[in-house]
Protein backbone atom coordinates (compact mmCIF):
# COMPACT_ATOMS: atom_id res chain seq x y z
CA UNK A 1 173.72 37.31 195.95
CA UNK A 2 177.14 36.73 194.52
CA UNK A 3 179.15 39.09 192.59
CA UNK A 4 178.98 36.76 189.72
CA UNK A 5 175.17 36.13 189.95
CA UNK A 6 173.76 35.12 186.54
CA UNK A 7 172.14 37.52 184.37
CA UNK A 8 168.61 37.81 183.60
CA UNK A 9 167.30 36.40 180.40
CA UNK A 10 165.30 38.50 177.99
CA UNK A 11 163.24 37.34 175.17
CA UNK A 12 164.46 38.70 171.80
CA UNK A 13 161.99 40.11 169.17
CA UNK A 14 163.16 40.05 165.34
CA UNK A 15 163.07 43.51 163.54
CA UNK A 16 159.89 42.42 161.63
CA UNK A 17 157.65 41.63 164.74
CA UNK A 18 158.80 45.06 166.00
CA UNK A 19 157.48 46.99 163.12
CA UNK A 20 154.43 44.93 162.95
CA UNK A 21 153.94 45.88 166.65
CA UNK A 22 154.53 49.52 166.00
CA UNK A 23 152.25 49.72 162.91
CA UNK A 24 149.32 48.63 165.11
CA UNK A 25 149.87 51.46 167.18
CA UNK A 26 150.17 54.20 164.36
CA UNK A 27 147.99 57.21 164.87
CA UNK A 28 146.75 58.79 161.68
CA UNK A 29 148.57 62.11 160.93
CA UNK A 30 146.26 64.76 162.73
CA UNK A 31 148.53 67.72 162.45
CA UNK A 32 149.88 69.69 159.28
CA UNK A 33 152.66 72.06 159.01
CA UNK A 34 151.65 75.36 157.12
CA UNK A 35 153.91 76.04 154.12
CA UNK A 36 153.28 79.83 154.64
CA UNK A 37 153.78 80.47 158.49
CA UNK A 38 155.43 77.33 159.70
CA UNK A 39 152.92 76.85 162.41
CA UNK A 40 151.76 73.13 163.31
CA UNK A 41 147.98 73.14 162.87
CA UNK A 42 145.42 70.59 163.99
CA UNK A 43 144.01 69.15 160.71
CA UNK A 44 140.56 69.32 161.67
CA UNK A 45 140.82 73.13 162.38
CA UNK A 46 142.14 73.65 158.84
CA UNK A 47 139.13 71.57 157.55
CA UNK A 48 136.57 73.71 159.54
CA UNK A 49 138.08 76.85 158.10
CA UNK A 50 137.45 76.13 154.53
CA UNK A 51 141.10 74.63 154.15
CA UNK A 52 142.87 77.61 155.18
CA UNK A 53 145.29 78.26 157.86
CA UNK A 54 143.65 79.46 160.89
CA UNK A 55 146.79 81.46 161.77
CA UNK A 56 147.73 83.35 158.57
CA UNK A 57 144.78 82.53 156.23
CA UNK A 58 147.19 80.43 153.83
CA UNK A 59 145.00 78.50 151.32
CA UNK A 60 145.72 74.89 151.41
CA UNK A 61 144.57 72.72 148.17
CA UNK A 62 141.16 71.33 147.98
CA UNK A 63 140.16 68.24 146.26
CA UNK A 64 137.69 68.18 143.55
CA UNK A 65 135.15 66.58 145.74
CA UNK A 66 135.72 69.18 148.50
CA UNK A 67 135.10 71.98 145.68
CA UNK A 68 131.65 70.12 145.09
CA UNK A 69 130.99 70.56 148.91
CA UNK A 70 132.12 74.17 149.06
CA UNK A 71 129.96 75.27 146.04
CA UNK A 72 127.16 72.95 145.02
CA UNK A 73 124.10 72.97 147.14
CA UNK A 74 123.93 69.83 149.45
CA UNK A 75 122.18 66.94 147.93
CA UNK A 76 121.84 68.24 144.36
CA UNK A 77 125.10 67.06 142.52
CA UNK A 78 124.96 63.94 140.17
CA UNK A 79 128.16 63.07 138.90
CA UNK A 80 128.43 61.86 135.37
CA UNK A 81 131.27 60.28 133.17
CA UNK A 82 132.87 58.63 136.34
CA UNK A 83 133.79 55.77 134.37
CA UNK A 84 135.87 57.65 131.55
CA UNK A 85 139.64 56.92 132.33
CA UNK A 86 143.12 57.34 130.70
CA UNK A 87 144.59 54.74 128.69
CA UNK A 88 148.29 54.58 127.74
CA UNK A 89 147.99 55.18 123.97
CA UNK A 90 151.74 55.83 123.44
CA UNK A 91 152.77 52.84 125.52
CA UNK A 92 154.64 55.20 127.71
CA UNK A 93 156.92 53.38 130.17
CA UNK A 94 155.51 53.19 133.74
CA UNK A 95 152.55 55.18 132.86
CA UNK A 96 150.25 52.65 133.71
CA UNK A 97 151.57 52.43 137.20
CA UNK A 98 151.60 55.96 137.74
CA UNK A 99 147.96 56.18 136.88
CA UNK A 100 146.89 53.35 139.44
CA UNK A 101 148.99 55.05 142.21
CA UNK A 102 147.25 58.53 141.41
CA UNK A 103 144.02 56.75 141.52
CA UNK A 104 144.93 55.15 145.04
CA UNK A 105 146.16 58.65 146.13
CA UNK A 106 143.21 60.60 145.19
CA UNK A 107 140.31 58.19 145.17
CA UNK A 108 139.53 59.11 141.56
CA UNK A 109 139.57 57.65 138.12
CA UNK A 110 140.69 60.71 136.76
CA UNK A 111 141.91 64.38 137.51
CA UNK A 112 138.13 65.81 136.89
CA UNK A 113 135.09 65.32 138.73
CA UNK A 114 132.09 66.48 136.46
CA UNK A 115 128.24 66.38 136.86
CA UNK A 116 125.27 68.80 137.32
CA UNK A 117 124.07 70.55 140.54
CA UNK A 118 122.74 73.72 141.90
CA UNK A 119 124.70 76.98 143.24
CA UNK A 120 122.17 78.51 145.48
CA UNK A 121 119.33 76.89 143.72
CA UNK A 122 120.55 77.90 140.19
CA UNK A 123 121.13 74.60 137.98
CA UNK A 124 124.56 74.45 136.62
CA UNK A 125 126.96 72.06 134.68
CA UNK A 126 129.83 71.86 137.17
CA UNK A 127 133.44 70.34 136.73
CA UNK A 128 136.39 70.52 139.07
CA UNK A 129 140.13 69.53 138.68
CA UNK A 130 142.04 67.50 141.43
CA UNK A 131 145.64 68.56 141.67
CA UNK A 132 146.57 65.22 143.90
CA UNK A 133 145.64 63.16 140.57
CA UNK A 134 149.21 63.56 138.78
CA UNK A 135 149.28 67.17 139.40
CA UNK A 136 146.09 67.99 137.89
CA UNK A 137 147.39 67.40 134.64
CA UNK A 138 145.13 67.26 131.46
CA UNK A 139 145.12 64.11 129.70
CA UNK A 140 142.49 62.84 127.14
CA UNK A 141 140.20 61.51 129.61
CA UNK A 142 140.32 64.56 131.59
CA UNK A 143 139.83 66.74 128.36
CA UNK A 144 136.97 64.41 127.36
CA UNK A 145 135.26 64.94 130.70
CA UNK A 146 135.51 68.56 130.41
CA UNK A 147 134.27 68.85 127.19
CA UNK A 148 131.28 66.66 128.12
CA UNK A 149 130.49 69.12 130.83
CA UNK A 150 130.54 71.97 128.62
CA UNK A 151 128.33 69.99 126.26
CA UNK A 152 125.92 69.46 129.00
CA UNK A 153 125.68 72.96 129.57
CA UNK A 154 124.87 73.62 126.02
CA UNK A 155 122.36 70.82 125.80
CA UNK A 156 120.46 71.72 129.03
CA UNK A 157 120.89 75.14 128.49
CA UNK A 158 122.48 75.80 131.98
CA UNK A 159 125.62 77.84 132.90
CA UNK A 160 128.97 75.90 133.01
CA UNK A 161 131.32 76.49 135.93
CA UNK A 162 134.78 74.80 136.06
CA UNK A 163 137.33 75.18 138.87
CA UNK A 164 140.79 74.36 137.58
CA UNK A 165 143.87 73.46 139.20
CA UNK A 166 146.68 72.00 136.90
CA UNK A 167 150.23 71.39 136.05
CA UNK A 168 149.33 71.52 132.27
CA UNK A 169 148.87 69.04 129.68
CA UNK A 170 149.98 65.51 130.36
CA UNK A 171 153.31 64.64 128.67
CA UNK A 172 152.69 60.99 128.92
CA UNK A 173 149.89 60.99 126.27
CA UNK A 174 151.79 63.32 123.63
CA UNK A 175 149.51 65.28 121.17
CA UNK A 176 146.41 63.63 122.21
CA UNK A 177 146.89 65.50 125.67
CA UNK A 178 147.71 68.69 123.73
CA UNK A 179 144.42 68.42 121.14
CA UNK A 180 142.52 68.77 124.65
CA UNK A 181 143.16 72.53 124.73
CA UNK A 182 141.49 72.79 121.24
CA UNK A 183 138.97 70.29 121.84
CA UNK A 184 137.75 72.26 125.01
CA UNK A 185 138.22 75.54 123.43
CA UNK A 186 135.86 74.69 120.55
CA UNK A 187 133.23 73.32 122.89
CA UNK A 188 133.32 76.60 124.60
CA UNK A 189 133.08 78.79 121.30
CA UNK A 190 129.74 76.67 120.85
CA UNK A 191 128.50 77.54 124.32
CA UNK A 192 129.61 81.29 123.80
CA UNK A 193 127.48 81.51 120.46
CA UNK A 194 124.64 79.83 122.24
CA UNK A 195 124.78 82.80 124.62
CA UNK A 196 125.33 80.39 127.79
CA UNK A 197 127.48 81.83 130.36
CA UNK A 198 130.78 80.29 131.15
CA UNK A 199 132.23 80.97 134.57
CA UNK A 200 136.02 79.89 134.86
CA UNK A 201 137.59 79.54 138.40
CA UNK A 202 141.12 78.94 138.27
CA UNK A 203 142.68 78.33 141.58
CA UNK A 204 146.56 77.73 142.90
CA UNK A 205 148.15 76.43 140.72
CA UNK A 206 146.65 76.59 137.45
CA UNK A 207 149.52 76.70 134.73
CA UNK A 208 150.58 75.09 131.29
CA UNK A 209 148.19 74.05 128.49
CA UNK A 210 145.03 74.54 131.01
CA UNK A 211 145.90 78.28 131.41
CA UNK A 212 146.47 78.38 127.62
CA UNK A 213 142.85 76.96 126.89
CA UNK A 214 139.58 76.83 128.97
CA UNK A 215 140.70 78.33 132.00
CA UNK A 216 141.18 81.67 130.57
CA UNK A 217 138.03 81.43 128.21
CA UNK A 218 135.64 82.29 130.87
CA UNK A 219 132.84 85.22 130.60
CA UNK A 220 133.75 86.00 133.76
CA UNK A 221 136.99 84.67 135.50
CA UNK A 222 137.19 84.41 139.41
CA UNK A 223 140.15 83.42 141.28
CA UNK A 224 141.21 83.15 145.14
CA UNK A 225 143.78 85.28 146.81
CA UNK A 226 147.40 84.92 146.06
CA UNK A 227 146.61 81.88 143.49
CA UNK A 228 149.51 81.05 141.20
CA UNK A 229 148.13 81.34 137.47
CA UNK A 230 150.44 81.56 134.33
CA UNK A 231 151.84 79.20 131.39
CA UNK A 232 155.27 78.54 132.56
CA UNK A 233 156.03 78.84 136.37
CA UNK A 234 158.14 81.63 137.63
CA UNK A 235 161.42 79.53 138.08
CA UNK A 236 161.31 78.25 134.57
CA UNK A 237 160.67 81.75 132.98
CA UNK A 238 163.53 83.07 135.26
CA UNK A 239 165.71 80.34 134.31
CA UNK A 240 164.91 80.87 130.65
CA UNK A 241 165.18 84.74 130.46
CA UNK A 242 167.96 84.95 133.00
CA UNK A 243 166.05 87.73 135.02
CA UNK A 244 164.20 88.10 138.23
CA UNK A 245 160.65 88.48 137.68
CA UNK A 246 158.40 91.31 139.08
CA UNK A 247 157.25 90.45 142.48
CA UNK A 248 153.94 88.68 142.45
CA UNK A 249 153.92 88.62 138.74
CA UNK A 250 151.76 85.43 138.36
CA UNK A 251 149.64 86.11 141.44
CA UNK A 252 145.83 86.58 141.19
CA UNK A 253 146.14 90.05 142.58
CA UNK A 254 148.63 91.03 139.75
CA UNK A 255 146.23 89.38 137.12
CA UNK A 256 143.39 91.45 138.53
CA UNK A 257 145.17 94.55 138.41
CA UNK A 258 146.02 94.18 134.92
CA UNK A 259 142.67 92.94 133.66
CA UNK A 260 143.31 89.18 133.04
CA UNK A 261 140.95 88.03 135.83
CA UNK A 262 137.82 89.75 136.94
CA UNK A 263 137.25 88.82 140.55
CA UNK A 264 139.11 87.71 143.55
CA UNK A 265 136.90 85.94 145.96
CA UNK A 266 137.83 84.59 149.57
CA UNK A 267 136.93 80.92 149.75
CA UNK A 268 134.17 81.30 152.02
CA UNK A 269 132.51 83.79 149.77
CA UNK A 270 133.06 82.18 146.60
CA UNK A 271 129.83 80.40 146.28
CA UNK A 272 127.74 83.37 146.84
CA UNK A 273 129.66 85.51 144.34
CA UNK A 274 129.44 82.92 141.69
CA UNK A 275 125.64 83.05 142.41
CA UNK A 276 125.39 86.68 142.23
CA UNK A 277 127.34 86.88 139.02
CA UNK A 278 125.21 84.17 137.66
CA UNK A 279 122.07 86.06 138.54
CA UNK A 280 123.22 88.92 136.33
CA UNK A 281 124.14 86.72 133.46
CA UNK A 282 121.05 84.56 133.08
């Protein structure tokens, strides 16, 4: 073969064809990095451990439907108000698109899943918020679904359980969002006067208008370890006041010590503890 032999010819592939080829071979994300200990954890190991890090017990967020699976007896949950969805009453720019993205991300029509089910054979009206839908923010549809869940408890004379996780009232709906604070609180007042128990379960994070309304109105308030619960977030308070906050100020352990909440329950024990509390109330 001569020194100046001809080069081999190679087929060229366009960038778009290369991307299409890679997309076919993409493997779904099977690993999650723990925000607390930094360990890389197999996702299925987290799911088997009640959405907790098996290394450090850090609590990952659960979806509303995962809360149903955690707390409600199998095959007893009947969902209501699935078709109640938010509109754009203020014609807020880009809000319609944000709602559509939230629907695709969460698989839900709103930030609340509600219905009737059983907790250790005790019939309850149940609702759970989903942080993956617009940060669990409470818009008019979400407040309506929560109010209806409370009213179902009143109508059927059964306890009401609400698991909340939220960034607060949804600014895109203005006063219509803020009025949900009063609406849910008024419904709970009727429930209280009827002598029907309401157990509130605020989990991390629960802030803003949700904390300032129904989440703190439970006859019994139960949370999870190290849950962030407060009105304004710690960074907002520090920036406003110009002072460093006491360690753990808005964590569930601090709130338990100062009488704001009643019980801290590990996630795997939460269902039985709620059932035990209900057994003493009804």
